[in-house]
Amino acid sequence: MNVLRAVTGILGLALLGLVIWAGFSMQDLHGSFLDQFGVVITLPWGIASLADLYIGFVFFSVIVFLTERSWVVAALWAAPIFILGNIWSAVWLIIRLPHLAKQLSKPDWPTS
């Protein structure tokens, strides 16, 4: 479990590093975020990638809502995913992996 949490943390930090790098390099080379976003949404693969990304955010939010005990807590965890992306998902996973492992290891039906 600790290895999985560490790998998730490393990948989350790598993603954060890429976002920071992109944020600092885009203005020097290719215009603002909105300029680049405008180009991405004109490309078929850009549209498909954004749709895939945001549908994945919805799927992950469903998992958050199914596993958190409070609807309010789930909403507070799920809403930032749509802005912060998978960096936020990594934070949630690192915190919740032990609980998720317990939930997933329980049998779905009574054994008697």
PDB file of N, CA and C in Angstrom:
ATOM      1  N   MET A   1       0.822  -1.189   0.000  1.00  0.00           N
ATOM      2  CA  MET A   1       0.000   0.000   0.000  1.00  0.00           C
ATOM      3  C   MET A   1       0.870   1.258   0.000  1.00  0.00           C
ATOM      4  N   ASN A   2       1.935   1.231   0.806  1.00  0.00           N
ATOM      5  CA  ASN A   2       2.813   2.402   0.861  1.00  0.00           C
ATOM      6  C   ASN A   2       3.518   2.651  -0.466  1.00  0.00           C
ATOM      7  N   VAL A   3       3.837   1.571  -1.175  1.00  0.00           N
ATOM      8  CA  VAL A   3       4.482   1.727  -2.482  1.00  0.00           C
ATOM      9  C   VAL A   3       3.510   2.391  -3.456  1.00  0.00           C
ATOM     10  N   LEU A   4       2.273   1.945  -3.435  1.00  0.00           N
ATOM     11  CA  LEU A   4       1.268   2.535  -4.312  1.00  0.00           C
ATOM     12  C   LEU A   4       1.036   4.008  -3.981  1.00  0.00           C
ATOM     13  N   ARG A   5       1.003   4.320  -2.711  1.00  0.00           N
ATOM     14  CA  ARG A   5       0.845   5.726  -2.304  1.00  0.00           C
ATOM     15  C   ARG A   5       2.058   6.548  -2.745  1.00  0.00           C
ATOM     16  N   ALA A   6       3.258   5.987  -2.625  1.00  0.00           N
ATOM     17  CA  ALA A   6       4.469   6.696  -3.040  1.00  0.00           C
ATOM     18  C   ALA A   6       4.480   6.926  -4.552  1.00  0.00           C
ATOM     19  N   VAL A   7       4.122   5.912  -5.305  1.00  0.00           N
ATOM     20  CA  VAL A   7       4.079   6.049  -6.769  1.00  0.00           C
ATOM     21  C   VAL A   7       3.049   7.105  -7.165  1.00  0.00           C
ATOM     22  N   THR A   8       1.895   7.075  -6.521  1.00  0.00           N
ATOM     23  CA  THR A   8       0.869   8.083  -6.794  1.00  0.00           C
ATOM     24  C   THR A   8       1.394   9.483  -6.474  1.00  0.00           C
ATOM     25  N   GLY A   9       2.087   9.627  -5.358  1.00  0.00           N
ATOM     26  CA  GLY A   9       2.670  10.909  -4.984  1.00  0.00           C
ATOM     27  C   GLY A   9       3.712  11.381  -5.974  1.00  0.00           C
ATOM     28  N   ILE A  10       4.561  10.482  -6.404  1.00  0.00           N
ATOM     29  CA  ILE A  10       5.609  10.840  -7.373  1.00  0.00           C
ATOM     30  C   ILE A  10       4.985  11.273  -8.696  1.00  0.00           C
ATOM     31  N   LEU A  11       3.993  10.521  -9.158  1.00  0.00           N
ATOM     32  CA  LEU A  11       3.331  10.893 -10.412  1.00  0.00           C
ATOM     33  C   LEU A  11       2.575  12.217 -10.276  1.00  0.00           C
ATOM     34  N   GLY A  12       1.942  12.435  -9.125  1.00  0.00           N
ATOM     35  CA  GLY A  12       1.269  13.707  -8.883  1.00  0.00           C
ATOM     36  C   GLY A  12       2.245  14.874  -8.895  1.00  0.00           C
ATOM     37  N   LEU A  13       3.409  14.687  -8.262  1.00  0.00           N
ATOM     38  CA  LEU A  13       4.433  15.739  -8.266  1.00  0.00           C
ATOM     39  C   LEU A  13       5.000  15.961  -9.663  1.00  0.00           C
ATOM     40  N   ALA A  14       5.156  14.888 -10.430  1.00  0.00           N
ATOM     41  CA  ALA A  14       5.633  15.022 -11.808  1.00  0.00           C
ATOM     42  C   ALA A  14       4.630  15.824 -12.631  1.00  0.00           C
ATOM     43  N   LEU A  15       3.355  15.541 -12.445  1.00  0.00           N
ATOM     44  CA  LEU A  15       2.317  16.291 -13.150  1.00  0.00           C
ATOM     45  C   LEU A  15       2.320  17.752 -12.728  1.00  0.00           C
ATOM     46  N   LEU A  16       2.475  18.004 -11.434  1.00  0.00           N
ATOM     47  CA  LEU A  16       2.575  19.381 -10.953  1.00  0.00           C
ATOM     48  C   LEU A  16       3.771  20.083 -11.593  1.00  0.00           C
ATOM     49  N   GLY A  17       4.892  19.398 -11.681  1.00  0.00           N
ATOM     50  CA  GLY A  17       6.070  19.968 -12.333  1.00  0.00           C
ATOM     51  C   GLY A  17       5.811  20.312 -13.791  1.00  0.00           C
ATOM     52  N   LEU A  18       5.106  19.434 -14.501  1.00  0.00           N
ATOM     53  CA  LEU A  18       4.773  19.720 -15.903  1.00  0.00           C
ATOM     54  C   LEU A  18       3.864  20.936 -16.032  1.00  0.00           C
ATOM     55  N   VAL A  19       2.909  21.051 -15.127  1.00  0.00           N
ATOM     56  CA  VAL A  19       1.996  22.196 -15.164  1.00  0.00           C
ATOM     57  C   VAL A  19       2.764  23.488 -14.893  1.00  0.00           C
ATOM     58  N   ILE A  20       3.657  23.463 -13.922  1.00  0.00           N
ATOM     59  CA  ILE A  20       4.466  24.649 -13.613  1.00  0.00           C
ATOM     60  C   ILE A  20       5.364  25.001 -14.795  1.00  0.00           C
ATOM     61  N   TRP A  21       6.009  23.985 -15.374  1.00  0.00           N
ATOM     62  CA  TRP A  21       6.865  24.213 -16.544  1.00  0.00           C
ATOM     63  C   TRP A  21       6.062  24.829 -17.685  1.00  0.00           C
ATOM     64  N   ALA A  22       4.881  24.262 -17.960  1.00  0.00           N
ATOM     65  CA  ALA A  22       4.049  24.780 -19.047  1.00  0.00           C
ATOM     66  C   ALA A  22       3.615  26.213 -18.757  1.00  0.00           C
ATOM     67  N   GLY A  23       3.302  26.482 -17.506  1.00  0.00           N
ATOM     68  CA  GLY A  23       2.878  27.829 -17.140  1.00  0.00           C
ATOM     69  C   GLY A  23       3.951  28.871 -17.350  1.00  0.00           C
ATOM     70  N   PHE A  24       5.198  28.510 -17.058  1.00  0.00           N
ATOM     71  CA  PHE A  24       6.289  29.471 -17.219  1.00  0.00           C
ATOM     72  C   PHE A  24       6.782  29.570 -18.656  1.00  0.00           C
ATOM     73  N   SER A  25       6.697  28.489 -19.413  1.00  0.00           N
ATOM     74  CA  SER A  25       7.273  28.510 -20.755  1.00  0.00           C
ATOM     75  C   SER A  25       6.307  28.988 -21.828  1.00  0.00           C
ATOM     76  N   MET A  26       5.012  28.912 -21.582  1.00  0.00           N
ATOM     77  CA  MET A  26       4.078  29.222 -22.660  1.00  0.00           C
ATOM     78  C   MET A  26       4.076  30.690 -23.054  1.00  0.00           C
ATOM     79  N   GLN A  27       4.246  31.587 -22.116  1.00  0.00           N
ATOM     80  CA  GLN A  27       4.189  33.000 -22.474  1.00  0.00           C
ATOM     81  C   GLN A  27       5.400  33.419 -23.291  1.00  0.00           C
ATOM     82  N   ASP A  28       6.521  32.785 -23.053  1.00  0.00           N
ATOM     83  CA  ASP A  28       7.727  33.136 -23.788  1.00  0.00           C
ATOM     84  C   ASP A  28       7.695  32.602 -25.219  1.00  0.00           C
ATOM     85  N   LEU A  29       7.120  31.418 -25.399  1.00  0.00           N
ATOM     86  CA  LEU A  29       7.234  30.752 -26.694  1.00  0.00           C
ATOM     87  C   LEU A  29       5.986  30.818 -27.562  1.00  0.00           C
ATOM     88  N   HIS A  30       4.817  30.601 -26.971  1.00  0.00           N
ATOM     89  CA  HIS A  30       3.646  30.348 -27.801  1.00  0.00           C
ATOM     90  C   HIS A  30       2.410  31.150 -27.414  1.00  0.00           C
ATOM     91  N   GLY A  31       2.527  32.188 -26.678  1.00  0.00           N
ATOM     92  CA  GLY A  31       1.369  32.976 -26.296  1.00  0.00           C
ATOM     93  C   GLY A  31       0.774  32.520 -24.976  1.00  0.00           C
ATOM     94  N   SER A  32      -0.314  33.148 -24.608  1.00  0.00           N
ATOM     95  CA  SER A  32      -0.944  32.882 -23.321  1.00  0.00           C
ATOM     96  C   SER A  32      -1.662  31.529 -23.319  1.00  0.00           C
ATOM     97  N   PHE A  33      -2.124  31.142 -22.143  1.00  0.00           N
ATOM     98  CA  PHE A  33      -2.893  29.909 -22.000  1.00  0.00           C
ATOM     99  C   PHE A  33      -4.118  29.939 -22.911  1.00  0.00           C
ATOM    100  N   LEU A  34      -4.820  31.061 -22.917  1.00  0.00           N
ATOM    101  CA  LEU A  34      -6.023  31.163 -23.742  1.00  0.00           C
ATOM    102  C   LEU A  34      -5.702  31.089 -25.232  1.00  0.00           C
ATOM    103  N   ASP A  35      -4.558  31.646 -25.653  1.00  0.00           N
ATOM    104  CA  ASP A  35      -4.139  31.534 -27.053  1.00  0.00           C
ATOM    105  C   ASP A  35      -3.921  30.067 -27.423  1.00  0.00           C
ATOM    106  N   GLN A  36      -3.216  29.345 -26.551  1.00  0.00           N
ATOM    107  CA  GLN A  36      -2.931  27.938 -26.826  1.00  0.00           C
ATOM    108  C   GLN A  36      -4.194  27.088 -26.750  1.00  0.00           C
ATOM    109  N   PHE A  37      -5.053  27.397 -25.777  1.00  0.00           N
ATOM    110  CA  PHE A  37      -6.316  26.661 -25.647  1.00  0.00           C
ATOM    111  C   PHE A  37      -7.165  26.862 -26.903  1.00  0.00           C
ATOM    112  N   GLY A  38      -7.157  28.071 -27.432  1.00  0.00           N
ATOM    113  CA  GLY A  38      -7.886  28.360 -28.664  1.00  0.00           C
ATOM    114  C   GLY A  38      -7.420  27.504 -29.823  1.00  0.00           C
ATOM    115  N   VAL A  39      -6.141  27.217 -29.880  1.00  0.00           N
ATOM    116  CA  VAL A  39      -5.612  26.347 -30.934  1.00  0.00           C
ATOM    117  C   VAL A  39      -6.019  24.897 -30.677  1.00  0.00           C
ATOM    118  N   VAL A  40      -5.895  24.455 -29.427  1.00  0.00           N
ATOM    119  CA  VAL A  40      -6.204  23.062 -29.084  1.00  0.00           C
ATOM    120  C   VAL A  40      -7.642  22.717 -29.449  1.00  0.00           C
ATOM    121  N   ILE A  41      -8.577  23.619 -29.178  1.00  0.00           N
ATOM    122  CA  ILE A  41      -9.979  23.289 -29.430  1.00  0.00           C
ATOM    123  C   ILE A  41     -10.354  23.361 -30.914  1.00  0.00           C
ATOM    124  N   THR A  42      -9.412  23.737 -31.767  1.00  0.00           N
ATOM    125  CA  THR A  42      -9.663  23.681 -33.208  1.00  0.00           C
ATOM    126  C   THR A  42      -9.186  22.364 -33.804  1.00  0.00           C
ATOM    127  N   LEU A  43      -8.459  21.575 -33.035  1.00  0.00           N
ATOM    128  CA  LEU A  43      -7.910  20.311 -33.515  1.00  0.00           C
ATOM    129  C   LEU A  43      -8.795  19.139 -33.080  1.00  0.00           C
ATOM    130  N   PRO A  44      -9.094  18.212 -33.984  1.00  0.00           N
ATOM    131  CA  PRO A  44      -9.919  17.067 -33.593  1.00  0.00           C
ATOM    132  C   PRO A  44      -9.363  16.297 -32.394  1.00  0.00           C
ATOM    133  N   TRP A  45      -8.061  16.049 -32.381  1.00  0.00           N
ATOM    134  CA  TRP A  45      -7.484  15.322 -31.241  1.00  0.00           C
ATOM    135  C   TRP A  45      -7.448  16.187 -29.993  1.00  0.00           C
ATOM    136  N   GLY A  46      -7.397  17.475 -30.155  1.00  0.00           N
ATOM    137  CA  GLY A  46      -7.477  18.367 -29.004  1.00  0.00           C
ATOM    138  C   GLY A  46      -8.846  18.292 -28.355  1.00  0.00           C
ATOM    139  N   ILE A  47      -9.888  18.309 -29.174  1.00  0.00           N
ATOM    140  CA  ILE A  47     -11.250  18.191 -28.653  1.00  0.00           C
ATOM    141  C   ILE A  47     -11.451  16.824 -28.002  1.00  0.00           C
ATOM    142  N   ALA A  48     -10.990  15.771 -28.672  1.00  0.00           N
ATOM    143  CA  ALA A  48     -11.134  14.418 -28.115  1.00  0.00           C
ATOM    144  C   ALA A  48     -10.373  14.279 -26.801  1.00  0.00           C
ATOM    145  N   SER A  49      -9.190  14.859 -26.718  1.00  0.00           N
ATOM    146  CA  SER A  49      -8.396  14.781 -25.489  1.00  0.00           C
ATOM    147  C   SER A  49      -9.055  15.541 -24.345  1.00  0.00           C
ATOM    148  N   LEU A  50      -9.588  16.710 -24.625  1.00  0.00           N
ATOM    149  CA  LEU A  50     -10.277  17.475 -23.582  1.00  0.00           C
ATOM    150  C   LEU A  50     -11.546  16.761 -23.121  1.00  0.00           C
ATOM    151  N   ALA A  51     -12.293  16.184 -24.058  1.00  0.00           N
ATOM    152  CA  ALA A  51     -13.481  15.422 -23.686  1.00  0.00           C
ATOM    153  C   ALA A  51     -13.094  14.227 -22.821  1.00  0.00           C
ATOM    154  N   ASP A  52     -12.051  13.525 -23.206  1.00  0.00           N
ATOM    155  CA  ASP A  52     -11.559  12.385 -22.425  1.00  0.00           C
ATOM    156  C   ASP A  52     -11.149  12.825 -21.022  1.00  0.00           C
ATOM    157  N   LEU A  53     -10.460  13.937 -20.939  1.00  0.00           N
ATOM    158  CA  LEU A  53     -10.004  14.460 -19.659  1.00  0.00           C
ATOM    159  C   LEU A  53     -11.178  14.776 -18.742  1.00  0.00           C
ATOM    160  N   TYR A  54     -12.138  15.522 -19.236  1.00  0.00           N
ATOM    161  CA  TYR A  54     -13.243  15.940 -18.387  1.00  0.00           C
ATOM    162  C   TYR A  54     -14.229  14.813 -18.088  1.00  0.00           C
ATOM    163  N   ILE A  55     -14.401  13.883 -18.998  1.00  0.00           N
ATOM    164  CA  ILE A  55     -15.216  12.711 -18.692  1.00  0.00           C
ATOM    165  C   ILE A  55     -14.520  11.879 -17.619  1.00  0.00           C
ATOM    166  N   GLY A  56     -13.194  11.783 -17.689  1.00  0.00           N
ATOM    167  CA  GLY A  56     -12.431  11.110 -16.628  1.00  0.00           C
ATOM    168  C   GLY A  56     -12.599  11.800 -15.287  1.00  0.00           C
ATOM    169  N   PHE A  57     -12.648  13.128 -15.285  1.00  0.00           N
ATOM    170  CA  PHE A  57     -12.903  13.860 -14.040  1.00  0.00           C
ATOM    171  C   PHE A  57     -14.273  13.497 -13.476  1.00  0.00           C
ATOM    172  N   VAL A  58     -15.269  13.373 -14.340  1.00  0.00           N
ATOM    173  CA  VAL A  58     -16.613  12.978 -13.885  1.00  0.00           C
ATOM    174  C   VAL A  58     -16.572  11.573 -13.297  1.00  0.00           C
ATOM    175  N   PHE A  59     -15.909  10.643 -13.973  1.00  0.00           N
ATOM    176  CA  PHE A  59     -15.804   9.271 -13.462  1.00  0.00           C
ATOM    177  C   PHE A  59     -15.118   9.250 -12.097  1.00  0.00           C
ATOM    178  N   PHE A  60     -14.038  10.004 -11.969  1.00  0.00           N
ATOM    179  CA  PHE A  60     -13.327  10.039 -10.690  1.00  0.00           C
ATOM    180  C   PHE A  60     -14.203  10.668  -9.614  1.00  0.00           C
ATOM    181  N   SER A  61     -14.955  11.698  -9.982  1.00  0.00           N
ATOM    182  CA  SER A  61     -15.863  12.331  -9.017  1.00  0.00           C
ATOM    183  C   SER A  61     -16.926  11.354  -8.535  1.00  0.00           C
ATOM    184  N   VAL A  62     -17.399  10.497  -9.414  1.00  0.00           N
ATOM    185  CA  VAL A  62     -18.365   9.470  -9.015  1.00  0.00           C
ATOM    186  C   VAL A  62     -17.757   8.572  -7.945  1.00  0.00           C
ATOM    187  N   ILE A  63     -16.512   8.174  -8.136  1.00  0.00           N
ATOM    188  CA  ILE A  63     -15.829   7.337  -7.139  1.00  0.00           C
ATOM    189  C   ILE A  63     -15.719   8.079  -5.813  1.00  0.00           C
ATOM    190  N   VAL A  64     -15.383   9.352  -5.866  1.00  0.00           N
ATOM    191  CA  VAL A  64     -15.295  10.160  -4.650  1.00  0.00           C
ATOM    192  C   VAL A  64     -16.645  10.184  -3.936  1.00  0.00           C
ATOM    193  N   PHE A  65     -17.712  10.432  -4.679  1.00  0.00           N
ATOM    194  CA  PHE A  65     -19.042  10.495  -4.059  1.00  0.00           C
ATOM    195  C   PHE A  65     -19.477   9.141  -3.506  1.00  0.00           C
ATOM    196  N   LEU A  66     -19.052   8.055  -4.132  1.00  0.00           N
ATOM    197  CA  LEU A  66     -19.435   6.726  -3.640  1.00  0.00           C
ATOM    198  C   LEU A  66     -18.653   6.305  -2.402  1.00  0.00           C
ATOM    199  N   THR A  67     -17.493   6.890  -2.195  1.00  0.00           N
ATOM    200  CA  THR A  67     -16.656   6.439  -1.077  1.00  0.00           C
ATOM    201  C   THR A  67     -16.643   7.379   0.119  1.00  0.00           C
ATOM    202  N   GLU A  68     -16.905   8.650  -0.098  1.00  0.00           N
ATOM    203  CA  GLU A  68     -16.921   9.583   1.034  1.00  0.00           C
ATOM    204  C   GLU A  68     -18.226   9.428   1.807  1.00  0.00           C
ATOM    205  N   ARG A  69     -18.164   9.558   3.104  1.00  0.00           N
ATOM    206  CA  ARG A  69     -19.351   9.368   3.936  1.00  0.00           C
ATOM    207  C   ARG A  69     -20.306  10.547   3.889  1.00  0.00           C
ATOM    208  N   SER A  70     -19.786  11.726   3.705  1.00  0.00           N
ATOM    209  CA  SER A  70     -20.601  12.938   3.697  1.00  0.00           C
ATOM    210  C   SER A  70     -20.683  13.486   2.277  1.00  0.00           C
ATOM    211  N   TRP A  71     -21.895  13.880   1.892  1.00  0.00           N
ATOM    212  CA  TRP A  71     -22.110  14.467   0.588  1.00  0.00           C
ATOM    213  C   TRP A  71     -21.339  15.780   0.463  1.00  0.00           C
ATOM    214  N   VAL A  72     -21.285  16.547   1.529  1.00  0.00           N
ATOM    215  CA  VAL A  72     -20.583  17.836   1.519  1.00  0.00           C
ATOM    216  C   VAL A  72     -19.077  17.618   1.346  1.00  0.00           C
ATOM    217  N   VAL A  73     -18.540  16.669   2.092  1.00  0.00           N
ATOM    218  CA  VAL A  73     -17.104  16.366   1.976  1.00  0.00           C
ATOM    219  C   VAL A  73     -16.789  15.886   0.558  1.00  0.00           C
ATOM    220  N   ALA A  74     -17.645  15.031   0.022  1.00  0.00           N
ATOM    221  CA  ALA A  74     -17.433  14.538  -1.347  1.00  0.00           C
ATOM    222  C   ALA A  74     -17.443  15.692  -2.346  1.00  0.00           C
ATOM    223  N   ALA A  75     -18.363  16.616  -2.182  1.00  0.00           N
ATOM    224  CA  ALA A  75     -18.425  17.762  -3.088  1.00  0.00           C
ATOM    225  C   ALA A  75     -17.181  18.636  -2.970  1.00  0.00           C
ATOM    226  N   LEU A  76     -16.682  18.802  -1.742  1.00  0.00           N
ATOM    227  CA  LEU A  76     -15.470  19.601  -1.543  1.00  0.00           C
ATOM    228  C   LEU A  76     -14.238  18.923  -2.148  1.00  0.00           C
ATOM    229  N   TRP A  77     -14.234  17.601  -2.197  1.00  0.00           N
ATOM    230  CA  TRP A  77     -13.141  16.884  -2.846  1.00  0.00           C
ATOM    231  C   TRP A  77     -13.319  16.843  -4.358  1.00  0.00           C
ATOM    232  N   ALA A  78     -14.551  16.692  -4.827  1.00  0.00           N
ATOM    233  CA  ALA A  78     -14.781  16.508  -6.259  1.00  0.00           C
ATOM    234  C   ALA A  78     -14.700  17.802  -7.060  1.00  0.00           C
ATOM    235  N   ALA A  79     -15.213  18.882  -6.542  1.00  0.00           N
ATOM    236  CA  ALA A  79     -15.261  20.130  -7.312  1.00  0.00           C
ATOM    237  C   ALA A  79     -13.884  20.615  -7.789  1.00  0.00           C
ATOM    238  N   PRO A  80     -12.848  20.599  -6.933  1.00  0.00           N
ATOM    239  CA  PRO A  80     -11.545  21.094  -7.413  1.00  0.00           C
ATOM    240  C   PRO A  80     -10.904  20.236  -8.505  1.00  0.00           C
ATOM    241  N   ILE A  81     -11.371  19.005  -8.665  1.00  0.00           N
ATOM    242  CA  ILE A  81     -10.806  18.141  -9.708  1.00  0.00           C
ATOM    243  C   ILE A  81     -10.979  18.795 -11.079  1.00  0.00           C
ATOM    244  N   PHE A  82     -12.090  19.500 -11.272  1.00  0.00           N
ATOM    245  CA  PHE A  82     -12.371  20.095 -12.571  1.00  0.00           C
ATOM    246  C   PHE A  82     -11.507  21.321 -12.859  1.00  0.00           C
ATOM    247  N   ILE A  83     -10.829  21.838 -11.844  1.00  0.00           N
ATOM    248  CA  ILE A  83      -9.934  22.980 -12.027  1.00  0.00           C
ATOM    249  C   ILE A  83      -8.471  22.546 -11.880  1.00  0.00           C
ATOM    250  N   LEU A  84      -8.186  21.795 -10.830  1.00  0.00           N
ATOM    251  CA  LEU A  84      -6.813  21.386 -10.545  1.00  0.00           C
ATOM    252  C   LEU A  84      -6.423  20.089 -11.236  1.00  0.00           C
ATOM    253  N   GLY A  85      -7.399  19.365 -11.740  1.00  0.00           N
ATOM    254  CA  GLY A  85      -7.130  18.160 -12.504  1.00  0.00           C
ATOM    255  C   GLY A  85      -6.627  17.006 -11.658  1.00  0.00           C
ATOM    256  N   ASN A  86      -5.845  16.184 -12.291  1.00  0.00           N
ATOM    257  CA  ASN A  86      -5.393  14.947 -11.655  1.00  0.00           C
ATOM    258  C   ASN A  86      -4.346  15.151 -10.570  1.00  0.00           C
ATOM    259  N   ILE A  87      -3.833  16.336 -10.444  1.00  0.00           N
ATOM    260  CA  ILE A  87      -2.977  16.640  -9.286  1.00  0.00           C
ATOM    261  C   ILE A  87      -3.828  16.511  -8.023  1.00  0.00           C
ATOM    262  N   TRP A  88      -5.050  17.039  -8.073  1.00  0.00           N
ATOM    263  CA  TRP A  88      -5.968  16.936  -6.942  1.00  0.00           C
ATOM    264  C   TRP A  88      -6.418  15.483  -6.731  1.00  0.00           C
ATOM    265  N   SER A  89      -6.625  14.771  -7.822  1.00  0.00           N
ATOM    266  CA  SER A  89      -6.983  13.355  -7.720  1.00  0.00           C
ATOM    267  C   SER A  89      -5.886  12.568  -7.013  1.00  0.00           C
ATOM    268  N   ALA A  90      -4.639  12.888  -7.305  1.00  0.00           N
ATOM    269  CA  ALA A  90      -3.514  12.213  -6.657  1.00  0.00           C
ATOM    270  C   ALA A  90      -3.506  12.480  -5.154  1.00  0.00           C
ATOM    271  N   VAL A  91      -3.789  13.714  -4.766  1.00  0.00           N
ATOM    272  CA  VAL A  91      -3.846  14.052  -3.337  1.00  0.00           C
ATOM    273  C   VAL A  91      -4.928  13.220  -2.652  1.00  0.00           C
ATOM    274  N   TRP A  92      -6.116  13.169  -3.251  1.00  0.00           N
ATOM    275  CA  TRP A  92      -7.215  12.392  -2.674  1.00  0.00           C
ATOM    276  C   TRP A  92      -6.841  10.914  -2.567  1.00  0.00           C
ATOM    277  N   LEU A  93      -6.235  10.387  -3.625  1.00  0.00           N
ATOM    278  CA  LEU A  93      -5.858   8.967  -3.608  1.00  0.00           C
ATOM    279  C   LEU A  93      -4.818   8.658  -2.533  1.00  0.00           C
ATOM    280  N   ILE A  94      -3.831   9.516  -2.389  1.00  0.00           N
ATOM    281  CA  ILE A  94      -2.801   9.289  -1.367  1.00  0.00           C
ATOM    282  C   ILE A  94      -3.437   9.219   0.020  1.00  0.00           C
ATOM    283  N   ILE A  95      -4.380  10.116   0.268  1.00  0.00           N
ATOM    284  CA  ILE A  95      -5.039  10.152   1.576  1.00  0.00           C
ATOM    285  C   ILE A  95      -5.985   8.968   1.756  1.00  0.00           C
ATOM    286  N   ARG A  96      -6.737   8.605   0.724  1.00  0.00           N
ATOM    287  CA  ARG A  96      -7.824   7.640   0.860  1.00  0.00           C
ATOM    288  C   ARG A  96      -7.469   6.203   0.484  1.00  0.00           C
ATOM    289  N   LEU A  97      -6.291   5.929  -0.041  1.00  0.00           N
ATOM    290  CA  LEU A  97      -5.962   4.569  -0.479  1.00  0.00           C
ATOM    291  C   LEU A  97      -6.135   3.508   0.611  1.00  0.00           C
ATOM    292  N   PRO A  98      -5.681   3.723   1.842  1.00  0.00           N
ATOM    293  CA  PRO A  98      -5.895   2.674   2.849  1.00  0.00           C
ATOM    294  C   PRO A  98      -7.383   2.374   3.074  1.00  0.00           C
ATOM    295  N   HIS A  99      -8.202   3.412   3.139  1.00  0.00           N
ATOM    296  CA  HIS A  99      -9.644   3.220   3.321  1.00  0.00           C
ATOM    297  C   HIS A  99     -10.254   2.519   2.107  1.00  0.00           C
ATOM    298  N   LEU A 100      -9.838   2.916   0.909  1.00  0.00           N
ATOM    299  CA  LEU A 100     -10.351   2.286  -0.307  1.00  0.00           C
ATOM    300  C   LEU A 100      -9.998   0.810  -0.352  1.00  0.00           C
ATOM    301  N   ALA A 101      -8.783   0.476   0.041  1.00  0.00           N
ATOM    302  CA  ALA A 101      -8.358  -0.928   0.035  1.00  0.00           C
ATOM    303  C   ALA A 101      -9.226  -1.752   0.974  1.00  0.00           C
ATOM    304  N   LYS A 102      -9.552  -1.195   2.138  1.00  0.00           N
ATOM    305  CA  LYS A 102     -10.435  -1.900   3.072  1.00  0.00           C
ATOM    306  C   LYS A 102     -11.821  -2.087   2.473  1.00  0.00           C
ATOM    307  N   GLN A 103     -12.369  -1.033   1.880  1.00  0.00           N
ATOM    308  CA  GLN A 103     -13.699  -1.126   1.284  1.00  0.00           C
ATOM    309  C   GLN A 103     -13.741  -2.139   0.149  1.00  0.00           C
ATOM    310  N   LEU A 104     -12.725  -2.143  -0.675  1.00  0.00           N
ATOM    311  CA  LEU A 104     -12.721  -3.029  -1.836  1.00  0.00           C
ATOM    312  C   LEU A 104     -12.444  -4.480  -1.473  1.00  0.00           C
ATOM    313  N   SER A 105     -11.857  -4.722  -0.320  1.00  0.00           N
ATOM    314  CA  SER A 105     -11.554  -6.099   0.069  1.00  0.00           C
ATOM    315  C   SER A 105     -12.729  -6.771   0.779  1.00  0.00           C
ATOM    316  N   LYS A 106     -13.770  -6.011   1.120  1.00  0.00           N
ATOM    317  CA  LYS A 106     -14.946  -6.593   1.763  1.00  0.00           C
ATOM    318  C   LYS A 106     -15.764  -7.342   0.727  1.00  0.00           C
ATOM    319  N   PRO A 107     -16.305  -8.490   1.101  1.00  0.00           N
ATOM    320  CA  PRO A 107     -17.165  -9.216   0.139  1.00  0.00           C
ATOM    321  C   PRO A 107     -18.469  -8.451  -0.095  1.00  0.00           C
ATOM    322  N   ASP A 108     -18.986  -8.592  -1.276  1.00  0.00           N
ATOM    323  CA  ASP A 108     -20.218  -7.903  -1.645  1.00  0.00           C
ATOM    324  C   ASP A 108     -21.473  -8.655  -1.191  1.00  0.00           C
ATOM    325  N   TRP A 109     -21.309  -9.861  -0.742  1.00  0.00           N
ATOM    326  CA  TRP A 109     -22.459 -10.655  -0.343  1.00  0.00           C
ATOM    327  C   TRP A 109     -22.151 -11.381   0.957  1.00  0.00           C
ATOM    328  N   PRO A 110     -23.187 -11.700   1.721  1.00  0.00           N
ATOM    329  CA  PRO A 110     -22.961 -12.411   2.989  1.00  0.00           C
ATOM    330  C   PRO A 110     -22.466 -13.822   2.736  1.00  0.00           C
ATOM    331  N   THR A 111     -21.605 -14.278   3.622  1.00  0.00           N
ATOM    332  CA  THR A 111     -21.079 -15.646   3.504  1.00  0.00           C
ATOM    333  C   THR A 111     -21.590 -16.458   4.675  1.00  0.00           C
ATOM    334  N   SER A 112     -22.693 -17.137   4.493  1.00  0.00           N
ATOM    335  CA  SER A 112     -23.207 -17.991   5.556  1.00  0.00           C
ATOM    336  C   SER A 112     -23.767 -19.276   5.022  1.00  0.00           C
TER     337      SER A 112
END
